[in-house]
Amino acid sequence: MAAKRIPERLQVWIEARQRYHLSHAQVQMARELGMNPKSLGKLDNHRQEPWKLPLSQFIEQQYYQRFGKDRPDVIVTIEERARVEGAKKAARREARRVSDCAAPAAEVGIGSQQLPGLAPDPING
């Protein structure tokens, strides 16, 4: 069985976590704040611009200002999130496959019954 691929939209967060040395909680906070992982480098130049906070502290400060708490209640890693989304997608795919197999059998009897209270169709009998 082939290894499961992580979607590109989540893979960029994994790369950002490694590049900027962020924890799983800080990545989740940044995602909840709506930050773009490709533009985190602009925020992480505290060595060149000393008035800026280090990125990890900046994310925590912004999260506290927006949500009023230090950390998310439940911390889910990117890999775990990708695994759960993959399982949901597989379940939806299986449900659709099962319903598609049952649909042709149900369509056979649609036009053959007369509804009560309606006059018979003069064209089709």
PDB file of N, CA and C in Angstrom:
ATOM      1  N   MET A   1       0.843  -1.170   0.000  1.00  0.00           N
ATOM      2  CA  MET A   1       0.000   0.000   0.000  1.00  0.00           C
ATOM      3  C   MET A   1       0.893   1.239   0.000  1.00  0.00           C
ATOM      4  N   ALA A   2       0.544   2.218  -0.808  1.00  0.00           N
ATOM      5  CA  ALA A   2       1.342   3.437  -0.927  1.00  0.00           C
ATOM      6  C   ALA A   2       1.163   4.309   0.319  1.00  0.00           C
ATOM      7  N   ALA A   3       2.172   5.108   0.595  1.00  0.00           N
ATOM      8  CA  ALA A   3       2.094   6.009   1.735  1.00  0.00           C
ATOM      9  C   ALA A   3       1.055   7.092   1.444  1.00  0.00           C
ATOM     10  N   LYS A   4       0.336   7.499   2.465  1.00  0.00           N
ATOM     11  CA  LYS A   4      -0.694   8.526   2.292  1.00  0.00           C
ATOM     12  C   LYS A   4      -0.018   9.875   2.112  1.00  0.00           C
ATOM     13  N   ARG A   5      -0.484  10.624   1.110  1.00  0.00           N
ATOM     14  CA  ARG A   5       0.045  11.947   0.852  1.00  0.00           C
ATOM     15  C   ARG A   5      -0.670  12.965   1.719  1.00  0.00           C
ATOM     16  N   ILE A   6       0.072  13.937   2.185  1.00  0.00           N
ATOM     17  CA  ILE A   6      -0.526  15.036   2.924  1.00  0.00           C
ATOM     18  C   ILE A   6      -0.859  16.116   1.904  1.00  0.00           C
ATOM     19  N   PRO A   7      -2.079  16.678   1.947  1.00  0.00           N
ATOM     20  CA  PRO A   7      -2.457  17.695   0.970  1.00  0.00           C
ATOM     21  C   PRO A   7      -1.500  18.895   0.989  1.00  0.00           C
ATOM     22  N   GLU A   8      -1.338  19.519  -0.156  1.00  0.00           N
ATOM     23  CA  GLU A   8      -0.389  20.634  -0.295  1.00  0.00           C
ATOM     24  C   GLU A   8      -0.727  21.778   0.655  1.00  0.00           C
ATOM     25  N   ARG A   9      -2.021  22.034   0.869  1.00  0.00           N
ATOM     26  CA  ARG A   9      -2.405  23.141   1.741  1.00  0.00           C
ATOM     27  C   ARG A   9      -2.001  22.893   3.193  1.00  0.00           C
ATOM     28  N   LEU A  10      -1.819  21.627   3.577  1.00  0.00           N
ATOM     29  CA  LEU A  10      -1.328  21.316   4.917  1.00  0.00           C
ATOM     30  C   LEU A  10       0.186  21.118   4.922  1.00  0.00           C
ATOM     31  N   GLN A  11       0.739  20.682   3.797  1.00  0.00           N
ATOM     32  CA  GLN A  11       2.181  20.456   3.705  1.00  0.00           C
ATOM     33  C   GLN A  11       2.956  21.760   3.917  1.00  0.00           C
ATOM     34  N   VAL A  12       2.430  22.888   3.420  1.00  0.00           N
ATOM     35  CA  VAL A  12       3.133  24.163   3.605  1.00  0.00           C
ATOM     36  C   VAL A  12       3.220  24.536   5.076  1.00  0.00           C
ATOM     37  N   TRP A  13       2.231  24.121   5.873  1.00  0.00           N
ATOM     38  CA  TRP A  13       2.295  24.383   7.313  1.00  0.00           C
ATOM     39  C   TRP A  13       3.345  23.512   7.991  1.00  0.00           C
ATOM     40  N   ILE A  14       3.521  22.298   7.526  1.00  0.00           N
ATOM     41  CA  ILE A  14       4.556  21.428   8.078  1.00  0.00           C
ATOM     42  C   ILE A  14       5.930  22.022   7.792  1.00  0.00           C
ATOM     43  N   GLU A  15       6.115  22.506   6.561  1.00  0.00           N
ATOM     44  CA  GLU A  15       7.391  23.125   6.194  1.00  0.00           C
ATOM     45  C   GLU A  15       7.632  24.394   7.005  1.00  0.00           C
ATOM     46  N   ALA A  16       6.594  25.191   7.229  1.00  0.00           N
ATOM     47  CA  ALA A  16       6.725  26.411   8.031  1.00  0.00           C
ATOM     48  C   ALA A  16       7.075  26.071   9.471  1.00  0.00           C
ATOM     49  N   ARG A  17       6.464  25.006   9.997  1.00  0.00           N
ATOM     50  CA  ARG A  17       6.765  24.591  11.375  1.00  0.00           C
ATOM     51  C   ARG A  17       8.243  24.229  11.515  1.00  0.00           C
ATOM     52  N   GLN A  18       8.778  23.531  10.513  1.00  0.00           N
ATOM     53  CA  GLN A  18      10.180  23.140  10.569  1.00  0.00           C
ATOM     54  C   GLN A  18      11.107  24.339  10.340  1.00  0.00           C
ATOM     55  N   ARG A  19      10.768  25.177   9.389  1.00  0.00           N
ATOM     56  CA  ARG A  19      11.636  26.303   9.040  1.00  0.00           C
ATOM     57  C   ARG A  19      11.736  27.323  10.165  1.00  0.00           C
ATOM     58  N   TYR A  20      10.604  27.616  10.811  1.00  0.00           N
ATOM     59  CA  TYR A  20      10.579  28.663  11.826  1.00  0.00           C
ATOM     60  C   TYR A  20      10.590  28.122  13.246  1.00  0.00           C
ATOM     61  N   HIS A  21      10.795  26.825  13.405  1.00  0.00           N
ATOM     62  CA  HIS A  21      10.921  26.173  14.714  1.00  0.00           C
ATOM     63  C   HIS A  21       9.702  26.458  15.594  1.00  0.00           C
ATOM     64  N   LEU A  22       8.518  26.212  15.037  1.00  0.00           N
ATOM     65  CA  LEU A  22       7.273  26.422  15.772  1.00  0.00           C
ATOM     66  C   LEU A  22       6.783  25.103  16.355  1.00  0.00           C
ATOM     67  N   SER A  23       6.039  25.202  17.431  1.00  0.00           N
ATOM     68  CA  SER A  23       5.434  23.999  18.014  1.00  0.00           C
ATOM     69  C   SER A  23       4.111  23.715  17.291  1.00  0.00           C
ATOM     70  N   HIS A  24       3.542  22.544  17.560  1.00  0.00           N
ATOM     71  CA  HIS A  24       2.254  22.201  16.970  1.00  0.00           C
ATOM     72  C   HIS A  24       1.177  23.189  17.421  1.00  0.00           C
ATOM     73  N   ALA A  25       1.240  23.601  18.674  1.00  0.00           N
ATOM     74  CA  ALA A  25       0.254  24.550  19.199  1.00  0.00           C
ATOM     75  C   ALA A  25       0.381  25.897  18.489  1.00  0.00           C
ATOM     76  N   GLN A  26       1.617  26.346  18.253  1.00  0.00           N
ATOM     77  CA  GLN A  26       1.815  27.633  17.590  1.00  0.00           C
ATOM     78  C   GLN A  26       1.351  27.594  16.141  1.00  0.00           C
ATOM     79  N   VAL A  27       1.539  26.465  15.482  1.00  0.00           N
ATOM     80  CA  VAL A  27       1.044  26.320  14.105  1.00  0.00           C
ATOM     81  C   VAL A  27      -0.478  26.372  14.104  1.00  0.00           C
ATOM     82  N   GLN A  28      -1.115  25.690  15.038  1.00  0.00           N
ATOM     83  CA  GLN A  28      -2.571  25.709  15.106  1.00  0.00           C
ATOM     84  C   GLN A  28      -3.068  27.114  15.413  1.00  0.00           C
ATOM     85  N   MET A  29      -2.387  27.832  16.302  1.00  0.00           N
ATOM     86  CA  MET A  29      -2.775  29.207  16.617  1.00  0.00           C
ATOM     87  C   MET A  29      -2.663  30.086  15.374  1.00  0.00           C
ATOM     88  N   ALA A  30      -1.568  29.939  14.631  1.00  0.00           N
ATOM     89  CA  ALA A  30      -1.375  30.743  13.420  1.00  0.00           C
ATOM     90  C   ALA A  30      -2.462  30.436  12.394  1.00  0.00           C
ATOM     91  N   ARG A  31      -2.835  29.177  12.252  1.00  0.00           N
ATOM     92  CA  ARG A  31      -3.900  28.807  11.309  1.00  0.00           C
ATOM     93  C   ARG A  31      -5.231  29.403  11.748  1.00  0.00           C
ATOM     94  N   GLU A  32      -5.521  29.366  13.047  1.00  0.00           N
ATOM     95  CA  GLU A  32      -6.779  29.927  13.542  1.00  0.00           C
ATOM     96  C   GLU A  32      -6.808  31.443  13.392  1.00  0.00           C
ATOM     97  N   LEU A  33      -5.635  32.072  13.431  1.00  0.00           N
ATOM     98  CA  LEU A  33      -5.559  33.518  13.225  1.00  0.00           C
ATOM     99  C   LEU A  33      -5.665  33.895  11.750  1.00  0.00           C
ATOM    100  N   GLY A  34      -5.566  32.907  10.871  1.00  0.00           N
ATOM    101  CA  GLY A  34      -5.678  33.179   9.441  1.00  0.00           C
ATOM    102  C   GLY A  34      -4.379  33.621   8.801  1.00  0.00           C
ATOM    103  N   MET A  35      -3.269  33.298   9.427  1.00  0.00           N
ATOM    104  CA  MET A  35      -1.972  33.679   8.870  1.00  0.00           C
ATOM    105  C   MET A  35      -1.640  32.822   7.656  1.00  0.00           C
ATOM    106  N   ASN A  36      -0.841  33.390   6.769  1.00  0.00           N
ATOM    107  CA  ASN A  36      -0.396  32.694   5.568  1.00  0.00           C
ATOM    108  C   ASN A  36       0.979  32.093   5.844  1.00  0.00           C
ATOM    109  N   PRO A  37       1.165  30.787   5.692  1.00  0.00           N
ATOM    110  CA  PRO A  37       2.464  30.181   6.013  1.00  0.00           C
ATOM    111  C   PRO A  37       3.583  30.657   5.089  1.00  0.00           C
ATOM    112  N   LYS A  38       3.227  31.097   3.895  1.00  0.00           N
ATOM    113  CA  LYS A  38       4.257  31.553   2.953  1.00  0.00           C
ATOM    114  C   LYS A  38       4.781  32.942   3.295  1.00  0.00           C
ATOM    115  N   SER A  39       4.045  33.694   4.094  1.00  0.00           N
ATOM    116  CA  SER A  39       4.501  35.041   4.430  1.00  0.00           C
ATOM    117  C   SER A  39       4.920  35.174   5.894  1.00  0.00           C
ATOM    118  N   LEU A  40       5.205  34.050   6.543  1.00  0.00           N
ATOM    119  CA  LEU A  40       5.664  34.115   7.927  1.00  0.00           C
ATOM    120  C   LEU A  40       7.076  34.687   8.022  1.00  0.00           C
ATOM    121  N   GLY A  41       7.844  34.585   6.950  1.00  0.00           N
ATOM    122  CA  GLY A  41       9.207  35.112   6.956  1.00  0.00           C
ATOM    123  C   GLY A  41       9.255  36.613   7.175  1.00  0.00           C
ATOM    124  N   LYS A  42       8.239  37.323   6.726  1.00  0.00           N
ATOM    125  CA  LYS A  42       8.169  38.771   6.934  1.00  0.00           C
ATOM    126  C   LYS A  42       8.035  39.103   8.410  1.00  0.00           C
ATOM    127  N   LEU A  43       7.380  38.208   9.136  1.00  0.00           N
ATOM    128  CA  LEU A  43       7.163  38.439  10.564  1.00  0.00           C
ATOM    129  C   LEU A  43       8.327  37.937  11.403  1.00  0.00           C
ATOM    130  N   ASP A  44       9.151  37.070  10.829  1.00  0.00           N
ATOM    131  CA  ASP A  44      10.213  36.418  11.588  1.00  0.00           C
ATOM    132  C   ASP A  44      11.581  37.033  11.325  1.00  0.00           C
ATOM    133  N   ASN A  45      11.649  38.329  11.220  1.00  0.00           N
ATOM    134  CA  ASN A  45      12.954  38.949  11.029  1.00  0.00           C
ATOM    135  C   ASN A  45      13.294  39.845  12.218  1.00  0.00           C
ATOM    136  N   HIS A  46      13.151  39.304  13.408  1.00  0.00           N
ATOM    137  CA  HIS A  46      13.387  40.074  14.621  1.00  0.00           C
ATOM    138  C   HIS A  46      14.873  40.364  14.840  1.00  0.00           C
ATOM    139  N   ARG A  47      15.758  39.668  14.150  1.00  0.00           N
ATOM    140  CA  ARG A  47      17.190  39.980  14.296  1.00  0.00           C
ATOM    141  C   ARG A  47      17.538  41.251  13.533  1.00  0.00           C
ATOM    142  N   GLN A  48      16.920  41.448  12.368  1.00  0.00           N
ATOM    143  CA  GLN A  48      17.177  42.649  11.582  1.00  0.00           C
ATOM    144  C   GLN A  48      16.359  43.833  12.082  1.00  0.00           C
ATOM    145  N   GLU A  49      15.178  43.563  12.590  1.00  0.00           N
ATOM    146  CA  GLU A  49      14.297  44.616  13.085  1.00  0.00           C
ATOM    147  C   GLU A  49      14.010  44.336  14.558  1.00  0.00           C
ATOM    148  N   PRO A  50      14.850  44.862  15.452  1.00  0.00           N
ATOM    149  CA  PRO A  50      14.801  44.480  16.864  1.00  0.00           C
ATOM    150  C   PRO A  50      13.499  44.834  17.583  1.00  0.00           C
ATOM    151  N   TRP A  51      12.678  45.719  17.019  1.00  0.00           N
ATOM    152  CA  TRP A  51      11.430  46.061  17.684  1.00  0.00           C
ATOM    153  C   TRP A  51      10.378  44.964  17.522  1.00  0.00           C
ATOM    154  N   LYS A  52      10.626  44.023  16.618  1.00  0.00           N
ATOM    155  CA  LYS A  52       9.669  42.936  16.413  1.00  0.00           C
ATOM    156  C   LYS A  52       9.915  41.810  17.407  1.00  0.00           C
ATOM    157  N   LEU A  53       8.836  41.146  17.789  1.00  0.00           N
ATOM    158  CA  LEU A  53       8.945  39.968  18.635  1.00  0.00           C
ATOM    159  C   LEU A  53       9.376  38.772  17.793  1.00  0.00           C
ATOM    160  N   PRO A  54      10.007  37.789  18.389  1.00  0.00           N
ATOM    161  CA  PRO A  54      10.223  36.530  17.674  1.00  0.00           C
ATOM    162  C   PRO A  54       8.877  35.949  17.246  1.00  0.00           C
ATOM    163  N   LEU A  55       8.872  35.221  16.136  1.00  0.00           N
ATOM    164  CA  LEU A  55       7.630  34.750  15.532  1.00  0.00           C
ATOM    165  C   LEU A  55       6.774  33.949  16.496  1.00  0.00           C
ATOM    166  N   SER A  56       7.377  33.049  17.247  1.00  0.00           N
ATOM    167  CA  SER A  56       6.590  32.221  18.164  1.00  0.00           C
ATOM    168  C   SER A  56       5.888  33.086  19.214  1.00  0.00           C
ATOM    169  N   GLN A  57       6.579  34.069  19.749  1.00  0.00           N
ATOM    170  CA  GLN A  57       5.969  34.953  20.743  1.00  0.00           C
ATOM    171  C   GLN A  57       4.907  35.844  20.106  1.00  0.00           C
ATOM    172  N   PHE A  58       5.153  36.277  18.870  1.00  0.00           N
ATOM    173  CA  PHE A  58       4.196  37.114  18.169  1.00  0.00           C
ATOM    174  C   PHE A  58       2.879  36.363  17.946  1.00  0.00           C
ATOM    175  N   ILE A  59       2.968  35.115  17.522  1.00  0.00           N
ATOM    176  CA  ILE A  59       1.767  34.309  17.290  1.00  0.00           C
ATOM    177  C   ILE A  59       0.997  34.135  18.595  1.00  0.00           C
ATOM    178  N   GLU A  60       1.708  33.833  19.679  1.00  0.00           N
ATOM    179  CA  GLU A  60       1.043  33.642  20.969  1.00  0.00           C
ATOM    180  C   GLU A  60       0.390  34.927  21.452  1.00  0.00           C
ATOM    181  N   GLN A  61       1.053  36.069  21.237  1.00  0.00           N
ATOM    182  CA  GLN A  61       0.493  37.352  21.646  1.00  0.00           C
ATOM    183  C   GLN A  61      -0.781  37.671  20.847  1.00  0.00           C
ATOM    184  N   GLN A  62      -0.737  37.477  19.540  1.00  0.00           N
ATOM    185  CA  GLN A  62      -1.895  37.744  18.697  1.00  0.00           C
ATOM    186  C   GLN A  62      -3.058  36.818  19.043  1.00  0.00           C
ATOM    187  N   TYR A  63      -2.758  35.564  19.334  1.00  0.00           N
ATOM    188  CA  TYR A  63      -3.800  34.597  19.697  1.00  0.00           C
ATOM    189  C   TYR A  63      -4.469  35.023  21.002  1.00  0.00           C
ATOM    190  N   TYR A  64      -3.674  35.466  21.964  1.00  0.00           N
ATOM    191  CA  TYR A  64      -4.229  35.902  23.240  1.00  0.00           C
ATOM    192  C   TYR A  64      -5.111  37.143  23.040  1.00  0.00           C
ATOM    193  N   GLN A  65      -4.671  38.092  22.206  1.00  0.00           N
ATOM    194  CA  GLN A  65      -5.459  39.292  21.957  1.00  0.00           C
ATOM    195  C   GLN A  65      -6.780  38.961  21.282  1.00  0.00           C
ATOM    196  N   ARG A  66      -6.763  38.043  20.319  1.00  0.00           N
ATOM    197  CA  ARG A  66      -7.978  37.735  19.562  1.00  0.00           C
ATOM    198  C   ARG A  66      -8.936  36.847  20.346  1.00  0.00           C
ATOM    199  N   PHE A  67      -8.407  35.793  20.988  1.00  0.00           N
ATOM    200  CA  PHE A  67      -9.279  34.787  21.600  1.00  0.00           C
ATOM    201  C   PHE A  67      -9.332  34.857  23.129  1.00  0.00           C
ATOM    202  N   GLY A  68      -8.446  35.609  23.754  1.00  0.00           N
ATOM    203  CA  GLY A  68      -8.482  35.763  25.203  1.00  0.00           C
ATOM    204  C   GLY A  68      -7.995  34.562  25.982  1.00  0.00           C
ATOM    205  N   LYS A  69      -7.253  33.675  25.351  1.00  0.00           N
ATOM    206  CA  LYS A  69      -6.686  32.521  26.066  1.00  0.00           C
ATOM    207  C   LYS A  69      -5.289  32.253  25.503  1.00  0.00           C
ATOM    208  N   ASP A  70      -4.479  31.583  26.331  1.00  0.00           N
ATOM    209  CA  ASP A  70      -3.078  31.384  25.964  1.00  0.00           C
ATOM    210  C   ASP A  70      -2.887  30.348  24.862  1.00  0.00           C
ATOM    211  N   ARG A  71      -3.687  29.297  24.891  1.00  0.00           N
ATOM    212  CA  ARG A  71      -3.515  28.192  23.937  1.00  0.00           C
ATOM    213  C   ARG A  71      -4.881  27.673  23.501  1.00  0.00           C
ATOM    214  N   PRO A  72      -4.934  26.982  22.376  1.00  0.00           N
ATOM    215  CA  PRO A  72      -6.189  26.330  21.990  1.00  0.00           C
ATOM    216  C   PRO A  72      -6.561  25.249  23.002  1.00  0.00           C
ATOM    217  N   ASP A  73      -7.846  24.980  23.121  1.00  0.00           N
ATOM    218  CA  ASP A  73      -8.303  23.968  24.071  1.00  0.00           C
ATOM    219  C   ASP A  73      -7.798  22.583  23.690  1.00  0.00           C
ATOM    220  N   VAL A  74      -7.898  22.245  22.409  1.00  0.00           N
ATOM    221  CA  VAL A  74      -7.440  20.946  21.913  1.00  0.00           C
ATOM    222  C   VAL A  74      -6.421  21.211  20.818  1.00  0.00           C
ATOM    223  N   ILE A  75      -5.236  20.657  20.977  1.00  0.00           N
ATOM    224  CA  ILE A  75      -4.177  20.848  19.989  1.00  0.00           C
ATOM    225  C   ILE A  75      -4.119  19.618  19.098  1.00  0.00           C
ATOM    226  N   VAL A  76      -4.289  19.842  17.792  1.00  0.00           N
ATOM    227  CA  VAL A  76      -4.269  18.768  16.812  1.00  0.00           C
ATOM    228  C   VAL A  76      -3.113  19.049  15.855  1.00  0.00           C
ATOM    229  N   THR A  77      -2.231  18.083  15.690  1.00  0.00           N
ATOM    230  CA  THR A  77      -1.099  18.277  14.792  1.00  0.00           C
ATOM    231  C   THR A  77      -1.589  18.282  13.345  1.00  0.00           C
ATOM    232  N   ILE A  78      -0.777  18.827  12.470  1.00  0.00           N
ATOM    233  CA  ILE A  78      -1.111  18.883  11.049  1.00  0.00           C
ATOM    234  C   ILE A  78      -1.235  17.457  10.494  1.00  0.00           C
ATOM    235  N   GLU A  79      -0.333  16.592  10.892  1.00  0.00           N
ATOM    236  CA  GLU A  79      -0.370  15.215  10.405  1.00  0.00           C
ATOM    237  C   GLU A  79      -1.649  14.508  10.842  1.00  0.00           C
ATOM    238  N   GLU A  80      -2.051  14.731  12.092  1.00  0.00           N
ATOM    239  CA  GLU A  80      -3.286  14.135  12.604  1.00  0.00           C
ATOM    240  C   GLU A  80      -4.494  14.703  11.864  1.00  0.00           C
ATOM    241  N   ARG A  81      -4.485  16.006  11.617  1.00  0.00           N
ATOM    242  CA  ARG A  81      -5.578  16.641  10.878  1.00  0.00           C
ATOM    243  C   ARG A  81      -5.681  16.057   9.471  1.00  0.00           C
ATOM    244  N   ALA A  82      -4.541  15.839   8.817  1.00  0.00           N
ATOM    245  CA  ALA A  82      -4.532  15.260   7.465  1.00  0.00           C
ATOM    246  C   ALA A  82      -5.072  13.830   7.502  1.00  0.00           C
ATOM    247  N   ARG A  83      -4.726  13.070   8.530  1.00  0.00           N
ATOM    248  CA  ARG A  83      -5.204  11.696   8.646  1.00  0.00           C
ATOM    249  C   ARG A  83      -6.712  11.658   8.835  1.00  0.00           C
ATOM    250  N   VAL A  84      -7.238  12.542   9.673  1.00  0.00           N
ATOM    251  CA  VAL A  84      -8.681  12.594   9.919  1.00  0.00           C
ATOM    252  C   VAL A  84      -9.424  13.022   8.656  1.00  0.00           C
ATOM    253  N   GLU A  85      -8.903  14.035   7.960  1.00  0.00           N
ATOM    254  CA  GLU A  85      -9.545  14.482   6.723  1.00  0.00           C
ATOM    255  C   GLU A  85      -9.524  13.381   5.672  1.00  0.00           C
ATOM    256  N   GLY A  86      -8.422  12.635   5.605  1.00  0.00           N
ATOM    257  CA  GLY A  86      -8.343  11.520   4.663  1.00  0.00           C
ATOM    258  C   GLY A  86      -9.360  10.434   4.983  1.00  0.00           C
ATOM    259  N   ALA A  87      -9.559  10.158   6.265  1.00  0.00           N
ATOM    260  CA  ALA A  87     -10.544   9.152   6.668  1.00  0.00           C
ATOM    261  C   ALA A  87     -11.960   9.619   6.334  1.00  0.00           C
ATOM    262  N   LYS A  88     -12.251  10.907   6.555  1.00  0.00           N
ATOM    263  CA  LYS A  88     -13.563  11.442   6.206  1.00  0.00           C
ATOM    264  C   LYS A  88     -13.806  11.357   4.705  1.00  0.00           C
ATOM    265  N   LYS A  89     -12.778  11.704   3.947  1.00  0.00           N
ATOM    266  CA  LYS A  89     -12.898  11.668   2.488  1.00  0.00           C
ATOM    267  C   LYS A  89     -13.153  10.244   2.000  1.00  0.00           C
ATOM    268  N   ALA A  90     -12.450   9.284   2.585  1.00  0.00           N
ATOM    269  CA  ALA A  90     -12.649   7.885   2.204  1.00  0.00           C
ATOM    270  C   ALA A  90     -14.057   7.415   2.570  1.00  0.00           C
ATOM    271  N   ALA A  91     -14.564   7.845   3.720  1.00  0.00           N
ATOM    272  CA  ALA A  91     -15.917   7.461   4.130  1.00  0.00           C
ATOM    273  C   ALA A  91     -16.956   8.062   3.186  1.00  0.00           C
ATOM    274  N   ARG A  92     -16.770   9.328   2.794  1.00  0.00           N
ATOM    275  CA  ARG A  92     -17.695   9.951   1.846  1.00  0.00           C
ATOM    276  C   ARG A  92     -17.646   9.247   0.499  1.00  0.00           C
ATOM    277  N   ARG A  93     -16.441   8.899   0.065  1.00  0.00           N
ATOM    278  CA  ARG A  93     -16.279   8.207  -1.215  1.00  0.00           C
ATOM    279  C   ARG A  93     -16.985   6.849  -1.177  1.00  0.00           C
ATOM    280  N   GLU A  94     -16.842   6.130  -0.068  1.00  0.00           N
ATOM    281  CA  GLU A  94     -17.478   4.826   0.063  1.00  0.00           C
ATOM    282  C   GLU A  94     -19.001   4.968   0.106  1.00  0.00           C
ATOM    283  N   ALA A  95     -19.498   5.987   0.827  1.00  0.00           N
ATOM    284  CA  ALA A  95     -20.945   6.204   0.902  1.00  0.00           C
ATOM    285  C   ALA A  95     -21.506   6.555  -0.473  1.00  0.00           C
ATOM    286  N   ARG A  96     -20.784   7.363  -1.222  1.00  0.00           N
ATOM    287  CA  ARG A  96     -21.222   7.725  -2.568  1.00  0.00           C
ATOM    288  C   ARG A  96     -21.215   6.508  -3.482  1.00  0.00           C
ATOM    289  N   ARG A  97     -20.196   5.662  -3.343  1.00  0.00           N
ATOM    290  CA  ARG A  97     -20.113   4.455  -4.169  1.00  0.00           C
ATOM    291  C   ARG A  97     -21.280   3.527  -3.871  1.00  0.00           C
ATOM    292  N   VAL A  98     -21.610   3.373  -2.595  1.00  0.00           N
ATOM    293  CA  VAL A  98     -22.720   2.507  -2.206  1.00  0.00           C
ATOM    294  C   VAL A  98     -24.045   3.078  -2.704  1.00  0.00           C
ATOM    295  N   SER A  99     -24.229   4.402  -2.571  1.00  0.00           N
ATOM    296  CA  SER A  99     -25.491   4.995  -3.023  1.00  0.00           C
ATOM    297  C   SER A  99     -25.605   4.977  -4.542  1.00  0.00           C
ATOM    298  N   ASP A 100     -24.498   5.106  -5.269  1.00  0.00           N
ATOM    299  CA  ASP A 100     -24.523   5.038  -6.727  1.00  0.00           C
ATOM    300  C   ASP A 100     -24.880   3.630  -7.198  1.00  0.00           C
ATOM    301  N   CYS A 101     -24.446   2.622  -6.487  1.00  0.00           N
ATOM    302  CA  CYS A 101     -24.784   1.243  -6.849  1.00  0.00           C
ATOM    303  C   CYS A 101     -26.259   0.960  -6.590  1.00  0.00           C
ATOM    304  N   ALA A 102     -26.842   1.567  -5.566  1.00  0.00           N
ATOM    305  CA  ALA A 102     -28.245   1.333  -5.231  1.00  0.00           C
ATOM    306  C   ALA A 102     -29.178   2.191  -6.078  1.00  0.00           C
ATOM    307  N   ALA A 103     -28.708   3.307  -6.630  1.00  0.00           N
ATOM    308  CA  ALA A 103     -29.560   4.234  -7.372  1.00  0.00           C
ATOM    309  C   ALA A 103     -30.146   3.627  -8.641  1.00  0.00           C
ATOM    310  N   PRO A 104     -29.416   2.916  -9.497  1.00  0.00           N
ATOM    311  CA  PRO A 104     -30.025   2.370 -10.710  1.00  0.00           C
ATOM    312  C   PRO A 104     -31.162   1.397 -10.413  1.00  0.00           C
ATOM    313  N   ALA A 105     -31.093   0.634  -9.356  1.00  0.00           N
ATOM    314  CA  ALA A 105     -32.162  -0.304  -9.004  1.00  0.00           C
ATOM    315  C   ALA A 105     -33.414   0.455  -8.594  1.00  0.00           C
ATOM    316  N   ALA A 106     -33.278   1.587  -7.948  1.00  0.00           N
ATOM    317  CA  ALA A 106     -34.423   2.375  -7.509  1.00  0.00           C
ATOM    318  C   ALA A 106     -35.074   3.107  -8.674  1.00  0.00           C
ATOM    319  N   GLU A 107     -34.300   3.469  -9.697  1.00  0.00           N
ATOM    320  CA  GLU A 107     -34.832   4.228 -10.816  1.00  0.00           C
ATOM    321  C   GLU A 107     -35.717   3.389 -11.731  1.00  0.00           C
ATOM    322  N   VAL A 108     -35.654   2.085 -11.677  1.00  0.00           N
ATOM    323  CA  VAL A 108     -36.403   1.213 -12.572  1.00  0.00           C
ATOM    324  C   VAL A 108     -37.904   1.392 -12.382  1.00  0.00           C
ATOM    325  N   GLY A 109     -38.390   1.511 -11.169  1.00  0.00           N
ATOM    326  CA  GLY A 109     -39.817   1.557 -10.916  1.00  0.00           C
ATOM    327  C   GLY A 109     -40.395   2.956 -10.833  1.00  0.00           C
ATOM    328  N   ILE A 110     -39.679   3.998 -11.189  1.00  0.00           N
ATOM    329  CA  ILE A 110     -40.156   5.366 -10.988  1.00  0.00           C
ATOM    330  C   ILE A 110     -41.383   5.678 -11.843  1.00  0.00           C
ATOM    331  N   GLY A 111     -41.355   5.442 -13.151  1.00  0.00           N
ATOM    332  CA  GLY A 111     -42.429   5.878 -14.027  1.00  0.00           C
ATOM    333  C   GLY A 111     -43.570   4.885 -14.149  1.00  0.00           C
ATOM    334  N   SER A 112     -43.518   3.740 -13.536  1.00  0.00           N
ATOM    335  CA  SER A 112     -44.510   2.706 -13.766  1.00  0.00           C
ATOM    336  C   SER A 112     -45.723   2.808 -12.846  1.00  0.00           C
ATOM    337  N   GLN A 113     -45.673   3.619 -11.789  1.00  0.00           N
ATOM    338  CA  GLN A 113     -46.782   3.673 -10.851  1.00  0.00           C
ATOM    339  C   GLN A 113     -47.599   4.937 -11.062  1.00  0.00           C
ATOM    340  N   GLN A 114     -48.919   4.819 -10.907  1.00  0.00           N
ATOM    341  CA  GLN A 114     -49.833   5.955 -11.001  1.00  0.00           C
ATOM    342  C   GLN A 114     -50.017   6.530  -9.604  1.00  0.00           C
ATOM    343  N   LEU A 115     -49.808   7.838  -9.443  1.00  0.00           N
ATOM    344  CA  LEU A 115     -50.016   8.482  -8.157  1.00  0.00           C
ATOM    345  C   LEU A 115     -51.506   8.608  -7.900  1.00  0.00           C
ATOM    346  N   PRO A 116     -51.965   8.426  -6.650  1.00  0.00           N
ATOM    347  CA  PRO A 116     -53.389   8.543  -6.347  1.00  0.00           C
ATOM    348  C   PRO A 116     -53.865   9.990  -6.531  1.00  0.00           C
ATOM    349  N   GLY A 117     -55.073  10.145  -7.085  1.00  0.00           N
ATOM    350  CA  GLY A 117     -55.658  11.464  -7.237  1.00  0.00           C
ATOM    351  C   GLY A 117     -55.317  12.149  -8.534  1.00  0.00           C
ATOM    352  N   LEU A 118     -54.463  11.578  -9.350  1.00  0.00           N
ATOM    353  CA  LEU A 118     -54.095  12.187 -10.620  1.00  0.00           C
ATOM    354  C   LEU A 118     -54.743  11.398 -11.762  1.00  0.00           C
ATOM    355  N   ALA A 119     -55.131  12.134 -12.778  1.00  0.00           N
ATOM    356  CA  ALA A 119     -55.713  11.476 -13.955  1.00  0.00           C
ATOM    357  C   ALA A 119     -54.622  10.754 -14.721  1.00  0.00           C
ATOM    358  N   PRO A 120     -54.958   9.657 -15.366  1.00  0.00           N
ATOM    359  CA  PRO A 120     -53.948   8.943 -16.155  1.00  0.00           C
ATOM    360  C   PRO A 120     -53.440   9.801 -17.299  1.00  0.00           C
ATOM    361  N   ASP A 121     -52.199   9.601 -17.655  1.00  0.00           N
ATOM    362  CA  ASP A 121     -51.570  10.361 -18.730  1.00  0.00           C
ATOM    363  C   ASP A 121     -52.091   9.837 -20.065  1.00  0.00           C
ATOM    364  N   PRO A 122     -52.765  10.691 -20.884  1.00  0.00           N
ATOM    365  CA  PRO A 122     -53.331  10.198 -22.127  1.00  0.00           C
ATOM    366  C   PRO A 122     -52.291   9.811 -23.164  1.00  0.00           C
ATOM    367  N   ILE A 123     -51.114  10.368 -23.068  1.00  0.00           N
ATOM    368  CA  ILE A 123     -50.091  10.082 -24.081  1.00  0.00           C
ATOM    369  C   ILE A 123     -49.388   8.753 -23.767  1.00  0.00           C
ATOM    370  N   ASN A 124     -48.942   8.603 -22.516  1.00  0.00           N
ATOM    371  CA  ASN A 124     -48.173   7.421 -22.130  1.00  0.00           C
ATOM    372  C   ASN A 124     -49.047   6.299 -21.565  1.00  0.00           C
ATOM    373  N   GLY A 125     -50.295   6.533 -21.450  1.00  0.00           N
ATOM    374  CA  GLY A 125     -51.213   5.480 -21.060  1.00  0.00           C
ATOM    375  C   GLY A 125     -51.374   5.374 -19.636  1.00  0.00           C
TER     376      GLY A 125
END
